[in-house]
Amino acid sequence: MAKKVRHDAEIELEEALTKITGDQAIQGVSGQIAFGSDGNGLNKEILVLCVDTQSRFHLVEAHGLFLVGEAVQTLKYPSSSCS
């Protein structure tokens, strides 16, 4: 198998992305943008939804971090519609 050649721009981009963490996190439209040392996103907000019998969506839980600088939290939204 041929070895992949990495271009300077690709290496520079990877290095720049690894610096977006902690105090350097960026506020994005869908929440905080920050990466761990392994390259995976950190504390991205996750929404748990359910669908009732009439095909309507309901928010059940929100976990993670939406705004830069907030503490990670879990918010529960009780809904009897999706039991």
C-alpha atoms as a PDB file:
ATOM      1  CA  MET A   1       0.000   0.000   0.000  1.00  0.00           C
ATOM      2  CA  ALA A   2       1.326   3.433  -0.912  1.00  0.00           C
ATOM      3  CA  LYS A   3       2.204   5.811   1.900  1.00  0.00           C
ATOM      4  CA  LYS A   4       0.035   8.946   1.991  1.00  0.00           C
ATOM      5  CA  VAL A   5       1.948  12.184   1.492  1.00  0.00           C
ATOM      6  CA  ARG A   6       0.741  14.993   3.775  1.00  0.00           C
ATOM      7  CA  HIS A   7       0.854  18.532   2.466  1.00  0.00           C
ATOM      8  CA  ASP A   8       1.998  21.485   4.602  1.00  0.00           C
ATOM      9  CA  ALA A   9      -1.505  23.008   4.630  1.00  0.00           C
ATOM     10  CA  GLU A  10      -2.986  19.774   5.964  1.00  0.00           C
ATOM     11  CA  ILE A  11      -0.406  19.627   8.758  1.00  0.00           C
ATOM     12  CA  GLU A  12      -0.924  23.313   9.615  1.00  0.00           C
ATOM     13  CA  LEU A  13      -4.699  22.863   9.777  1.00  0.00           C
ATOM     14  CA  GLU A  14      -4.377  19.851  12.064  1.00  0.00           C
ATOM     15  CA  GLU A  15      -2.008  21.763  14.369  1.00  0.00           C
ATOM     16  CA  ALA A  16      -4.343  24.792  14.447  1.00  0.00           C
ATOM     17  CA  LEU A  17      -7.388  22.642  15.316  1.00  0.00           C
ATOM     18  CA  THR A  18      -5.568  21.017  18.263  1.00  0.00           C
ATOM     19  CA  LYS A  19      -5.179  24.509  19.774  1.00  0.00           C
ATOM     20  CA  ILE A  20      -8.957  25.065  19.875  1.00  0.00           C
ATOM     21  CA  THR A  21      -9.529  23.756  23.391  1.00  0.00           C
ATOM     22  CA  GLY A  22     -10.305  25.038  26.886  1.00  0.00           C
ATOM     23  CA  ASP A  23      -9.882  28.821  27.021  1.00  0.00           C
ATOM     24  CA  GLN A  24      -9.419  28.869  23.242  1.00  0.00           C
ATOM     25  CA  ALA A  25     -12.855  27.330  22.548  1.00  0.00           C
ATOM     26  CA  ILE A  26     -14.903  29.068  19.852  1.00  0.00           C
ATOM     27  CA  GLN A  27     -18.622  29.838  20.014  1.00  0.00           C
ATOM     28  CA  GLY A  28     -20.345  28.243  17.037  1.00  0.00           C
ATOM     29  CA  VAL A  29     -23.958  28.411  15.889  1.00  0.00           C
ATOM     30  CA  SER A  30     -24.707  24.933  17.253  1.00  0.00           C
ATOM     31  CA  GLY A  31     -22.650  25.381  20.430  1.00  0.00           C
ATOM     32  CA  GLN A  32     -19.080  25.401  21.645  1.00  0.00           C
ATOM     33  CA  ILE A  33     -16.321  24.224  19.310  1.00  0.00           C
ATOM     34  CA  ALA A  34     -13.378  22.658  21.150  1.00  0.00           C
ATOM     35  CA  PHE A  35     -11.224  19.582  20.566  1.00  0.00           C
ATOM     36  CA  GLY A  36      -9.414  17.162  22.873  1.00  0.00           C
ATOM     37  CA  SER A  37      -5.866  15.929  22.404  1.00  0.00           C
ATOM     38  CA  ASP A  38      -7.299  12.961  20.465  1.00  0.00           C
ATOM     39  CA  GLY A  39      -9.038  15.304  17.991  1.00  0.00           C
ATOM     40  CA  ASN A  40     -12.549  14.520  19.194  1.00  0.00           C
ATOM     41  CA  GLY A  41     -14.998  17.291  20.081  1.00  0.00           C
ATOM     42  CA  LEU A  42     -15.298  18.234  23.770  1.00  0.00           C
ATOM     43  CA  ASN A  43     -18.545  18.693  25.700  1.00  0.00           C
ATOM     44  CA  LYS A  44     -20.692  19.229  22.614  1.00  0.00           C
ATOM     45  CA  GLU A  45     -24.333  19.668  23.593  1.00  0.00           C
ATOM     46  CA  ILE A  46     -26.471  16.617  22.885  1.00  0.00           C
ATOM     47  CA  LEU A  47     -30.260  16.783  22.679  1.00  0.00           C
ATOM     48  CA  VAL A  48     -32.447  13.758  23.430  1.00  0.00           C
ATOM     49  CA  LEU A  49     -35.787  13.873  21.657  1.00  0.00           C
ATOM     50  CA  CYS A  50     -38.799  11.602  21.563  1.00  0.00           C
ATOM     51  CA  VAL A  51     -41.657  11.329  19.067  1.00  0.00           C
ATOM     52  CA  ASP A  52     -45.225  10.960  20.316  1.00  0.00           C
ATOM     53  CA  THR A  53     -47.993   8.932  18.709  1.00  0.00           C
ATOM     54  CA  GLN A  54     -48.987  11.935  16.564  1.00  0.00           C
ATOM     55  CA  SER A  55     -45.422  12.251  15.156  1.00  0.00           C
ATOM     56  CA  ARG A  56     -44.607  15.387  17.181  1.00  0.00           C
ATOM     57  CA  PHE A  57     -41.099  15.867  18.576  1.00  0.00           C
ATOM     58  CA  HIS A  58     -40.507  16.628  22.259  1.00  0.00           C
ATOM     59  CA  LEU A  59     -37.270  17.655  23.980  1.00  0.00           C
ATOM     60  CA  VAL A  60     -36.519  15.178  26.766  1.00  0.00           C
ATOM     61  CA  GLU A  61     -32.967  16.099  27.824  1.00  0.00           C
ATOM     62  CA  ALA A  62     -30.091  18.421  26.941  1.00  0.00           C
ATOM     63  CA  HIS A  63     -26.579  17.480  28.075  1.00  0.00           C
ATOM     64  CA  GLY A  64     -23.275  19.208  27.481  1.00  0.00           C
ATOM     65  CA  LEU A  65     -22.150  22.748  26.863  1.00  0.00           C
ATOM     66  CA  PHE A  66     -23.808  25.204  24.506  1.00  0.00           C
ATOM     67  CA  LEU A  67     -22.164  28.545  25.357  1.00  0.00           C
ATOM     68  CA  VAL A  68     -18.414  28.973  25.772  1.00  0.00           C
ATOM     69  CA  GLY A  69     -17.577  29.524  29.429  1.00  0.00           C
ATOM     70  CA  GLU A  70     -20.652  27.770  30.846  1.00  0.00           C
ATOM     71  CA  ALA A  71     -20.400  24.713  33.066  1.00  0.00           C
ATOM     72  CA  VAL A  72     -21.349  21.350  31.567  1.00  0.00           C
ATOM     73  CA  GLN A  73     -24.905  20.592  32.604  1.00  0.00           C
ATOM     74  CA  THR A  74     -27.786  18.177  32.121  1.00  0.00           C
ATOM     75  CA  LEU A  75     -31.271  19.625  31.807  1.00  0.00           C
ATOM     76  CA  LYS A  76     -34.288  17.323  31.896  1.00  0.00           C
ATOM     77  CA  TYR A  77     -37.634  18.284  30.369  1.00  0.00           C
ATOM     78  CA  PRO A  78     -40.345  15.937  31.622  1.00  0.00           C
ATOM     79  CA  SER A  79     -42.852  14.960  28.977  1.00  0.00           C
ATOM     80  CA  SER A  80     -45.716  12.568  29.499  1.00  0.00           C
ATOM     81  CA  SER A  81     -46.308  12.575  25.736  1.00  0.00           C
ATOM     82  CA  CYS A  82     -43.580  10.041  25.055  1.00  0.00           C
ATOM     83  CA  SER A  83     -43.966   7.510  27.852  1.00  0.00           C
END
